[in-house]
Amino acid sequence: MKRLLLITVAIVLSPHLAHAQEITASPICFNLVNEAPYKVYGDLSTPYYTNDEGDKRRNVSTFRLEAAGTRHPTEDYLQDRAEFCARGPFYPGRQLEITLRALFPIFNCKTSIEFGDVIIKGTLNEDGTSKTWVECL
């Protein structure tokens, strides 16, 4: 009985042990779109996982997106968006973590990548300050 109680407590207190992290057979692709009137920087990351050698790892992709509507000067494509594809592991609900950065993190959330574009929003105030966020689902 004590063993059963200890195992139950360990599972409840260790959520990463309670469910397997999903890896999809095919990548799930989505667009990251900057609708802010200024350049944004950040990264997308998966939850930590343990590789075959027993090391704790996570996948991280960094991005830099130009201000909304910015086009490449010679090749005429939009530079305010980028396509990303992921196979996992995912947070529950096929979510990835997105972090927006300046010199330090300014916004962080988990968002599902299955419902279309991931949108970055922002406002630039008259005093030069800004507010930047992601529409997280």
Protein backbone atom coordinates (compact mmCIF):
# COMPACT_ATOMS: atom_id res chain seq x y z
CA MET A 1 0.00 0.00 0.00
CA LYS A 2 2.83 2.42 0.84
CA ARG A 3 4.49 1.71 -2.53
CA LEU A 4 1.27 2.44 -4.39
CA LEU A 5 0.91 5.71 -2.50
CA LEU A 6 4.52 6.70 -3.25
CA ILE A 7 4.13 5.87 -6.95
CA THR A 8 0.89 7.86 -7.13
CA VAL A 9 2.48 10.87 -5.40
CA ALA A 10 5.50 10.70 -7.74
CA ILE A 11 3.25 10.69 -10.81
CA VAL A 12 1.11 13.56 -9.53
CA LEU A 13 4.11 15.67 -8.54
CA SER A 14 5.99 14.95 -11.78
CA PRO A 15 3.65 15.88 -14.64
CA HIS A 16 6.30 15.15 -17.25
CA LEU A 17 6.20 11.51 -16.16
CA ALA A 18 2.40 11.35 -16.32
CA HIS A 19 2.13 11.75 -20.09
CA ALA A 20 4.33 10.98 -23.06
CA GLN A 21 5.45 13.92 -25.15
CA GLU A 22 3.98 13.83 -28.62
CA ILE A 23 6.18 13.55 -31.71
CA THR A 24 4.26 13.73 -35.01
CA ALA A 25 5.09 11.64 -38.08
CA SER A 26 4.86 14.70 -40.33
CA PRO A 27 5.88 18.22 -39.36
CA ILE A 28 3.18 20.76 -38.53
CA CYS A 29 3.94 24.02 -40.34
CA PHE A 30 2.70 27.50 -39.47
CA ASN A 31 3.55 31.14 -40.14
CA LEU A 32 4.83 33.52 -37.50
CA VAL A 33 3.58 36.99 -38.53
CA ASN A 34 4.68 40.35 -37.10
CA GLU A 35 1.87 42.95 -37.16
CA ALA A 36 3.81 45.39 -34.93
CA PRO A 37 5.14 48.61 -36.51
CA TYR A 38 8.72 47.69 -35.53
CA LYS A 39 11.17 44.79 -35.76
CA VAL A 40 10.73 41.91 -33.28
CA TYR A 41 13.11 39.24 -32.03
CA GLY A 42 12.52 36.03 -30.16
CA ASP A 43 12.49 32.26 -30.14
CA LEU A 44 10.18 29.27 -30.34
CA SER A 45 10.94 26.27 -28.15
CA THR A 46 9.73 22.81 -27.27
CA PRO A 47 9.51 21.40 -23.75
CA TYR A 48 12.56 19.65 -22.34
CA TYR A 49 13.02 16.01 -23.20
CA THR A 50 15.65 13.38 -22.45
CA ASN A 51 17.64 12.13 -25.44
CA ASP A 52 18.97 8.59 -25.93
CA GLU A 53 22.18 9.45 -24.04
CA GLY A 54 20.17 10.62 -21.02
CA ASP A 55 20.84 14.34 -21.57
CA LYS A 56 18.08 16.89 -20.95
CA ARG A 57 17.48 18.90 -24.18
CA ARG A 58 14.97 21.17 -25.89
CA ASN A 59 14.63 22.40 -29.46
CA VAL A 60 14.87 26.18 -29.93
CA SER A 61 14.52 28.27 -33.12
CA THR A 62 15.29 31.97 -33.07
CA PHE A 63 13.66 34.58 -35.29
CA ARG A 64 13.93 38.22 -36.34
CA LEU A 65 10.97 39.68 -38.18
CA GLU A 66 10.90 43.13 -39.74
CA ALA A 67 8.14 45.69 -39.09
CA ALA A 68 4.67 44.89 -40.47
CA GLY A 69 4.50 45.26 -44.25
CA THR A 70 8.28 45.40 -44.83
CA ARG A 71 9.34 43.94 -48.17
CA HIS A 72 12.77 42.79 -49.25
CA PRO A 73 14.27 45.65 -51.31
CA THR A 74 15.27 43.60 -54.35
CA GLU A 75 13.37 40.31 -54.22
CA ASP A 76 9.96 41.76 -53.23
CA TYR A 77 8.86 39.28 -50.54
CA LEU A 78 7.46 40.14 -47.11
CA GLN A 79 10.04 40.15 -44.32
CA ASP A 80 7.48 40.46 -41.52
CA ARG A 81 6.74 36.72 -41.52
CA ALA A 82 8.47 33.37 -41.51
CA GLU A 83 7.36 29.77 -41.82
CA PHE A 84 8.25 27.30 -39.08
CA CYS A 85 7.65 23.56 -38.94
CA ALA A 86 7.78 21.32 -35.87
CA ARG A 87 7.36 17.62 -35.14
CA GLY A 88 7.62 17.96 -31.38
CA PRO A 89 7.92 17.23 -28.62
CA PHE A 90 5.01 19.55 -27.85
CA TYR A 91 3.42 20.95 -24.74
CA PRO A 92 -0.17 19.67 -24.28
CA GLY A 93 -2.46 20.75 -27.14
CA ARG A 94 0.43 20.75 -29.62
CA GLN A 95 1.75 23.98 -28.17
CA LEU A 96 5.18 25.55 -28.45
CA GLU A 97 6.60 28.23 -26.17
CA ILE A 98 7.22 31.62 -27.78
CA THR A 99 9.42 34.26 -26.17
CA LEU A 100 9.77 37.82 -27.46
CA ARG A 101 13.03 39.56 -26.58
CA ALA A 102 14.70 42.94 -26.44
CA LEU A 103 17.87 42.82 -24.36
CA PHE A 104 15.89 40.51 -22.08
CA PRO A 105 12.62 38.56 -22.42
CA ILE A 106 9.62 40.91 -22.69
CA PHE A 107 6.79 38.43 -23.34
CA ASN A 108 6.35 34.67 -23.04
CA CYS A 109 3.47 32.25 -23.58
CA LYS A 110 2.59 28.85 -24.99
CA THR A 111 0.53 28.79 -28.18
CA SER A 112 -0.98 26.07 -30.33
CA ILE A 113 0.46 25.79 -33.82
CA GLU A 114 -2.54 23.92 -35.29
CA PHE A 115 -4.91 26.86 -35.76
CA GLY A 116 -3.06 28.86 -38.42
CA ASP A 117 -0.75 31.83 -38.18
CA VAL A 118 0.80 32.87 -34.86
CA ILE A 119 0.39 36.65 -34.71
CA ILE A 120 2.70 39.10 -32.95
CA LYS A 121 1.03 42.41 -32.07
CA GLY A 122 2.51 45.66 -30.88
CA THR A 123 1.86 49.32 -30.29
CA LEU A 124 4.30 52.20 -30.34
CA ASN A 125 3.41 55.00 -27.93
CA GLU A 126 4.08 58.71 -28.49
CA ASP A 127 6.65 58.71 -25.67
CA GLY A 128 8.73 56.09 -27.52
CA THR A 129 7.71 53.13 -25.38
CA SER A 130 6.11 50.07 -26.87
CA LYS A 131 3.94 47.13 -25.88
CA THR A 132 4.47 43.82 -27.66
CA TRP A 133 2.58 40.54 -27.28
CA VAL A 134 1.51 37.38 -29.07
CA GLU A 135 -2.06 36.22 -29.60
CA CYS A 136 -1.61 32.91 -27.79
CA LEU A 137 -4.14 30.11 -28.26
